[in-house]
PDB file of N, CA and C in Angstrom:
ATOM      1  N   MET A   1       7.459-100.918  20.681  1.00  0.00           N
ATOM      2  CA  MET A   1       8.145-101.963  21.410  1.00  0.00           C
ATOM      3  C   MET A   1       7.399-103.282  21.275  1.00  0.00           C
ATOM      4  N   ASP A   2       6.069-103.231  21.257  1.00  0.00           N
ATOM      5  CA  ASP A   2       5.297-104.459  21.122  1.00  0.00           C
ATOM      6  C   ASP A   2       5.568-105.143  19.785  1.00  0.00           C
ATOM      7  N   LYS A   3       5.702-104.332  18.727  1.00  0.00           N
ATOM      8  CA  LYS A   3       5.970-104.915  17.410  1.00  0.00           C
ATOM      9  C   LYS A   3       7.323-105.619  17.400  1.00  0.00           C
ATOM     10  N   ALA A   4       8.303-105.026  18.061  1.00  0.00           N
ATOM     11  CA  ALA A   4       9.626-105.648  18.130  1.00  0.00           C
ATOM     12  C   ALA A   4       9.547-106.958  18.908  1.00  0.00           C
ATOM     13  N   TRP A   5       8.798-106.956  19.992  1.00  0.00           N
ATOM     14  CA  TRP A   5       8.648-108.157  20.826  1.00  0.00           C
ATOM     15  C   TRP A   5       7.994-109.268  20.016  1.00  0.00           C
ATOM     16  N   GLU A   6       6.919-108.933  19.294  1.00  0.00           N
ATOM     17  CA  GLU A   6       6.192-109.942  18.524  1.00  0.00           C
ATOM     18  C   GLU A   6       7.041-110.509  17.383  1.00  0.00           C
ATOM     19  N   SER A   7       7.867-109.657  16.780  1.00  0.00           N
ATOM     20  CA  SER A   7       8.693-110.126  15.664  1.00  0.00           C
ATOM     21  C   SER A   7       9.987-110.781  16.134  1.00  0.00           C
ATOM     22  N   GLY A   8      10.274-110.694  17.425  1.00  0.00           N
ATOM     23  CA  GLY A   8      11.488-111.304  17.958  1.00  0.00           C
ATOM     24  C   GLY A   8      12.717-110.432  17.800  1.00  0.00           C
ATOM     25  N   LYS A   9      12.528-109.168  17.408  1.00  0.00           N
ATOM     26  CA  LYS A   9      13.651-108.252  17.220  1.00  0.00           C
ATOM     27  C   LYS A   9      14.159-107.771  18.576  1.00  0.00           C
ATOM     28  N   THR A  10      15.456-107.701  18.715  1.00  0.00           N
ATOM     29  CA  THR A  10      16.069-107.187  19.926  1.00  0.00           C
ATOM     30  C   THR A  10      16.258-105.685  19.786  1.00  0.00           C
ATOM     31  N   LEU A  11      15.769-104.933  20.762  1.00  0.00           N
ATOM     32  CA  LEU A  11      15.937-103.483  20.746  1.00  0.00           C
ATOM     33  C   LEU A  11      17.278-103.123  21.359  1.00  0.00           C
ATOM     34  N   THR A  12      17.980-102.224  20.709  1.00  0.00           N
ATOM     35  CA  THR A  12      19.258-101.753  21.236  1.00  0.00           C
ATOM     36  C   THR A  12      19.013-100.585  22.185  1.00  0.00           C
ATOM     37  N   THR A  13      20.054-100.187  22.895  1.00  0.00           N
ATOM     38  CA  THR A  13      19.964 -99.013  23.759  1.00  0.00           C
ATOM     39  C   THR A  13      19.582 -97.791  22.934  1.00  0.00           C
ATOM     40  N   TYR A  14      20.136 -97.698  21.742  1.00  0.00           N
ATOM     41  CA  TYR A  14      19.830 -96.580  20.854  1.00  0.00           C
ATOM     42  C   TYR A  14      18.349 -96.573  20.466  1.00  0.00           C
ATOM     43  N   ASP A  15      17.798 -97.749  20.161  1.00  0.00           N
ATOM     44  CA  ASP A  15      16.380 -97.854  19.801  1.00  0.00           C
ATOM     45  C   ASP A  15      15.480 -97.365  20.932  1.00  0.00           C
ATOM     46  N   THR A  16      15.744 -97.842  22.136  1.00  0.00           N
ATOM     47  CA  THR A  16      14.898 -97.460  23.266  1.00  0.00           C
ATOM     48  C   THR A  16      15.109 -95.998  23.649  1.00  0.00           C
ATOM     49  N   GLN A  17      16.314 -95.485  23.459  1.00  0.00           N
ATOM     50  CA  GLN A  17      16.569 -94.077  23.749  1.00  0.00           C
ATOM     51  C   GLN A  17      15.776 -93.184  22.796  1.00  0.00           C
ATOM     52  N   ASN A  18      15.607 -93.633  21.564  1.00  0.00           N
ATOM     53  CA  ASN A  18      14.825 -92.870  20.597  1.00  0.00           C
ATOM     54  C   ASN A  18      13.333 -92.862  20.929  1.00  0.00           C
ATOM     55  N   LEU A  19      12.898 -93.751  21.823  1.00  0.00           N
ATOM     56  CA  LEU A  19      11.498 -93.782  22.241  1.00  0.00           C
ATOM     57  C   LEU A  19      11.199 -92.786  23.359  1.00  0.00           C
ATOM     58  N   ILE A  20      12.225 -92.196  23.956  1.00  0.00           N
ATOM     59  CA  ILE A  20      12.022 -91.276  25.078  1.00  0.00           C
ATOM     60  C   ILE A  20      11.109 -90.106  24.709  1.00  0.00           C
ATOM     61  N   PRO A  21      11.273 -89.440  23.553  1.00  0.00           N
ATOM     62  CA  PRO A  21      10.340 -88.352  23.220  1.00  0.00           C
ATOM     63  C   PRO A  21       8.884 -88.821  23.110  1.00  0.00           C
ATOM     64  N   LEU A  22       8.677 -90.018  22.553  1.00  0.00           N
ATOM     65  CA  LEU A  22       7.321 -90.561  22.462  1.00  0.00           C
ATOM     66  C   LEU A  22       6.749 -90.808  23.858  1.00  0.00           C
ATOM     67  N   LEU A  23       7.568 -91.387  24.726  1.00  0.00           N
ATOM     68  CA  LEU A  23       7.122 -91.638  26.096  1.00  0.00           C
ATOM     69  C   LEU A  23       6.824 -90.329  26.827  1.00  0.00           C
ATOM     70  N   ASN A  24       7.610 -89.293  26.558  1.00  0.00           N
ATOM     71  CA  ASN A  24       7.367 -87.978  27.159  1.00  0.00           C
ATOM     72  C   ASN A  24       6.018 -87.419  26.722  1.00  0.00           C
ATOM     73  N   SER A  25       5.675 -87.606  25.451  1.00  0.00           N
ATOM     74  CA  SER A  25       4.397 -87.082  24.964  1.00  0.00           C
ATOM     75  C   SER A  25       3.217 -87.878  25.528  1.00  0.00           C
ATOM     76  N   GLU A  26       3.413 -89.174  25.760  1.00  0.00           N
ATOM     77  CA  GLU A  26       2.352 -90.015  26.317  1.00  0.00           C
ATOM     78  C   GLU A  26       2.211 -89.833  27.825  1.00  0.00           C
ATOM     79  N   ASN A  27       3.309 -89.494  28.497  1.00  0.00           N
ATOM     80  CA  ASN A  27       3.323 -89.343  29.958  1.00  0.00           C
ATOM     81  C   ASN A  27       3.902 -87.981  30.318  1.00  0.00           C
ATOM     82  N   PRO A  28       3.061 -86.954  30.435  1.00  0.00           N
ATOM     83  CA  PRO A  28       3.554 -85.604  30.706  1.00  0.00           C
ATOM     84  C   PRO A  28       4.404 -85.496  31.976  1.00  0.00           C
ATOM     85  N   GLU A  29       4.208 -86.392  32.913  1.00  0.00           N
ATOM     86  CA  GLU A  29       5.002 -86.369  34.147  1.00  0.00           C
ATOM     87  C   GLU A  29       6.483 -86.582  33.863  1.00  0.00           C
ATOM     88  N   LEU A  30       6.804 -87.331  32.814  1.00  0.00           N
ATOM     89  CA  LEU A  30       8.212 -87.570  32.463  1.00  0.00           C
ATOM     90  C   LEU A  30       8.897 -86.289  32.010  1.00  0.00           C
ATOM     91  N   GLY A  31       8.117 -85.321  31.555  1.00  0.00           N
ATOM     92  CA  GLY A  31       8.682 -84.050  31.118  1.00  0.00           C
ATOM     93  C   GLY A  31       9.342 -83.273  32.243  1.00  0.00           C
ATOM     94  N   LYS A  32       9.031 -83.646  33.475  1.00  0.00           N
ATOM     95  CA  LYS A  32       9.621 -82.972  34.638  1.00  0.00           C
ATOM     96  C   LYS A  32      11.033 -83.494  34.942  1.00  0.00           C
ATOM     97  N   ILE A  33      11.402 -84.583  34.287  1.00  0.00           N
ATOM     98  CA  ILE A  33      12.703 -85.212  34.536  1.00  0.00           C
ATOM     99  C   ILE A  33      13.666 -84.793  33.429  1.00  0.00           C
ATOM    100  N   TYR A  34      14.894 -84.457  33.805  1.00  0.00           N
ATOM    101  CA  TYR A  34      15.904 -84.095  32.806  1.00  0.00           C
ATOM    102  C   TYR A  34      16.125 -85.244  31.842  1.00  0.00           C
ATOM    103  N   SER A  35      16.291 -84.905  30.563  1.00  0.00           N
ATOM    104  CA  SER A  35      16.448 -85.936  29.540  1.00  0.00           C
ATOM    105  C   SER A  35      17.697 -86.782  29.771  1.00  0.00           C
ATOM    106  N   LYS A  36      18.756 -86.184  30.295  1.00  0.00           N
ATOM    107  CA  LYS A  36      19.983 -86.948  30.570  1.00  0.00           C
ATOM    108  C   LYS A  36      19.735 -88.025  31.625  1.00  0.00           C
ATOM    109  N   VAL A  37      18.859 -87.739  32.578  1.00  0.00           N
ATOM    110  CA  VAL A  37      18.523 -88.730  33.605  1.00  0.00           C
ATOM    111  C   VAL A  37      17.781 -89.899  32.952  1.00  0.00           C
ATOM    112  N   LEU A  38      16.818 -89.602  32.080  1.00  0.00           N
ATOM    113  CA  LEU A  38      16.081 -90.663  31.394  1.00  0.00           C
ATOM    114  C   LEU A  38      16.998 -91.495  30.503  1.00  0.00           C
ATOM    115  N   GLN A  39      17.952 -90.840  29.859  1.00  0.00           N
ATOM    116  CA  GLN A  39      18.909 -91.569  29.022  1.00  0.00           C
ATOM    117  C   GLN A  39      19.768 -92.494  29.863  1.00  0.00           C
ATOM    118  N   ARG A  40      20.178 -92.020  31.028  1.00  0.00           N
ATOM    119  CA  ARG A  40      21.019 -92.837  31.917  1.00  0.00           C
ATOM    120  C   ARG A  40      20.237 -94.031  32.462  1.00  0.00           C
ATOM    121  N   VAL A  41      18.982 -93.803  32.831  1.00  0.00           N
ATOM    122  CA  VAL A  41      18.137 -94.902  33.316  1.00  0.00           C
ATOM    123  C   VAL A  41      17.942 -95.928  32.201  1.00  0.00           C
ATOM    124  N   ASN A  42      17.721 -95.451  30.989  1.00  0.00           N
ATOM    125  CA  ASN A  42      17.581 -96.336  29.842  1.00  0.00           C
ATOM    126  C   ASN A  42      18.826 -97.204  29.682  1.00  0.00           C
ATOM    127  N   TYR A  43      19.991 -96.580  29.734  1.00  0.00           N
ATOM    128  CA  TYR A  43      21.255 -97.314  29.592  1.00  0.00           C
ATOM    129  C   TYR A  43      21.422 -98.346  30.713  1.00  0.00           C
ATOM    130  N   THR A  44      21.128 -97.934  31.945  1.00  0.00           N
ATOM    131  CA  THR A  44      21.282 -98.834  33.092  1.00  0.00           C
ATOM    132  C   THR A  44      20.350-100.035  32.985  1.00  0.00           C
ATOM    133  N   LEU A  45      19.085 -99.788  32.653  1.00  0.00           N
ATOM    134  CA  LEU A  45      18.135-100.893  32.514  1.00  0.00           C
ATOM    135  C   LEU A  45      18.548-101.841  31.390  1.00  0.00           C
ATOM    136  N   HIS A  46      18.957-101.281  30.273  1.00  0.00           N
ATOM    137  CA  HIS A  46      19.366-102.114  29.136  1.00  0.00           C
ATOM    138  C   HIS A  46      20.579-102.971  29.511  1.00  0.00           C
ATOM    139  N   SER A  47      21.536-102.390  30.196  1.00  0.00           N
ATOM    140  CA  SER A  47      22.734-103.128  30.616  1.00  0.00           C
ATOM    141  C   SER A  47      22.387-104.240  31.605  1.00  0.00           C
ATOM    142  N   ASN A  48      21.503-103.937  32.552  1.00  0.00           N
ATOM    143  CA  ASN A  48      21.114-104.936  33.550  1.00  0.00           C
ATOM    144  C   ASN A  48      20.369-106.101  32.912  1.00  0.00           C
ATOM    145  N   ILE A  49      19.475-105.804  31.980  1.00  0.00           N
ATOM    146  CA  ILE A  49      18.725-106.869  31.305  1.00  0.00           C
ATOM    147  C   ILE A  49      19.669-107.728  30.470  1.00  0.00           C
ATOM    148  N   ALA A  50      20.616-107.100  29.782  1.00  0.00           N
ATOM    149  CA  ALA A  50      21.587-107.849  28.984  1.00  0.00           C
ATOM    150  C   ALA A  50      22.446-108.746  29.883  1.00  0.00           C
ATOM    151  N   SER A  51      22.869-108.235  31.025  1.00  0.00           N
ATOM    152  CA  SER A  51      23.682-109.033  31.954  1.00  0.00           C
ATOM    153  C   SER A  51      22.887-110.201  32.513  1.00  0.00           C
ATOM    154  N   LEU A  52      21.622-109.963  32.804  1.00  0.00           N
ATOM    155  CA  LEU A  52      20.769-111.025  33.321  1.00  0.00           C
ATOM    156  C   LEU A  52      20.628-112.138  32.288  1.00  0.00           C
ATOM    157  N   GLY A  53      20.403-111.758  31.039  1.00  0.00           N
ATOM    158  CA  GLY A  53      20.291-112.758  29.980  1.00  0.00           C
ATOM    159  C   GLY A  53      21.580-113.538  29.807  1.00  0.00           C
ATOM    160  N   PHE A  54      22.719-112.845  29.879  1.00  0.00           N
ATOM    161  CA  PHE A  54      24.012-113.509  29.737  1.00  0.00           C
ATOM    162  C   PHE A  54      24.250-114.492  30.879  1.00  0.00           C
ATOM    163  N   SER A  55      23.956-114.078  32.118  1.00  0.00           N
ATOM    164  CA  SER A  55      24.188-114.967  33.261  1.00  0.00           C
ATOM    165  C   SER A  55      23.239-116.158  33.226  1.00  0.00           C
ATOM    166  N   LYS A  56      22.020-115.957  32.718  1.00  0.00           N
ATOM    167  CA  LYS A  56      21.074-117.064  32.599  1.00  0.00           C
ATOM    168  C   LYS A  56      21.583-118.087  31.585  1.00  0.00           C
ATOM    169  N   GLU A  57      22.134-117.606  30.469  1.00  0.00           N
ATOM    170  CA  GLU A  57      22.706-118.509  29.463  1.00  0.00           C
ATOM    171  C   GLU A  57      23.872-119.297  30.053  1.00  0.00           C
ATOM    172  N   LYS A  58      24.735-118.618  30.811  1.00  0.00           N
ATOM    173  CA  LYS A  58      25.896-119.277  31.423  1.00  0.00           C
ATOM    174  C   LYS A  58      25.440-120.375  32.379  1.00  0.00           C
ATOM    175  N   ARG A  59      24.397-120.095  33.170  1.00  0.00           N
ATOM    176  CA  ARG A  59      23.916-121.068  34.144  1.00  0.00           C
ATOM    177  C   ARG A  59      23.374-122.307  33.452  1.00  0.00           C
ATOM    178  N   THR A  60      22.604-122.128  32.386  1.00  0.00           N
ATOM    179  CA  THR A  60      22.025-123.293  31.718  1.00  0.00           C
ATOM    180  C   THR A  60      23.092-124.111  31.006  1.00  0.00           C
ATOM    181  N   GLU A  61      24.161-123.486  30.537  1.00  0.00           N
ATOM    182  CA  GLU A  61      25.252-124.217  29.880  1.00  0.00           C
ATOM    183  C   GLU A  61      26.059-125.028  30.904  1.00  0.00           C
ATOM    184  N   SER A  62      26.197-124.503  32.115  1.00  0.00           N
ATOM    185  CA  SER A  62      27.038-125.170  33.098  1.00  0.00           C
ATOM    186  C   SER A  62      26.294-126.233  33.904  1.00  0.00           C
ATOM    187  N   MET A  63      24.960-126.294  33.778  1.00  0.00           N
ATOM    188  CA  MET A  63      24.189-127.275  34.533  1.00  0.00           C
ATOM    189  C   MET A  63      24.331-128.645  33.878  1.00  0.00           C
ATOM    190  N   PRO A  64      24.589-129.658  34.675  1.00  0.00           N
ATOM    191  CA  PRO A  64      24.696-131.001  34.094  1.00  0.00           C
ATOM    192  C   PRO A  64      23.327-131.491  33.631  1.00  0.00           C
ATOM    193  N   SER A  65      23.310-132.219  32.528  1.00  0.00           N
ATOM    194  CA  SER A  65      22.043-132.748  32.046  1.00  0.00           C
ATOM    195  C   SER A  65      21.637-133.945  32.895  1.00  0.00           C
ATOM    196  N   LYS A  66      20.335-134.128  33.019  1.00  0.00           N
ATOM    197  CA  LYS A  66      19.824-135.250  33.825  1.00  0.00           C
ATOM    198  C   LYS A  66      19.955-136.536  33.038  1.00  0.00           C
ATOM    199  N   VAL A  67      20.449-137.547  33.701  1.00  0.00           N
ATOM    200  CA  VAL A  67      20.610-138.856  33.073  1.00  0.00           C
ATOM    201  C   VAL A  67      19.469-139.724  33.554  1.00  0.00           C
ATOM    202  N   GLN A  68      18.720-140.262  32.610  1.00  0.00           N
ATOM    203  CA  GLN A  68      17.626-141.148  32.999  1.00  0.00           C
ATOM    204  C   GLN A  68      18.151-142.577  33.059  1.00  0.00           C
ATOM    205  N   GLY A  69      17.738-143.277  34.081  1.00  0.00           N
ATOM    206  CA  GLY A  69      18.259-144.624  34.205  1.00  0.00           C
ATOM    207  C   GLY A  69      17.352-145.583  34.837  1.00  0.00           C
TER     208      GLY A  69
END
């Protein structure tokens, strides 16, 4: 994920979902959680972050520019 961040690449839901097995091996506690639950959390987080970015773009487009005078 760090390499994607540094290169400016956007990770898709599919990309992050493919990281779940790696995260399970790094964090044995995650192995106690059903994989479908982790997939759903991944989808929810990805959707929320995408919506936040979209609403932020909308807000900056609708804000009037400051006029210096």
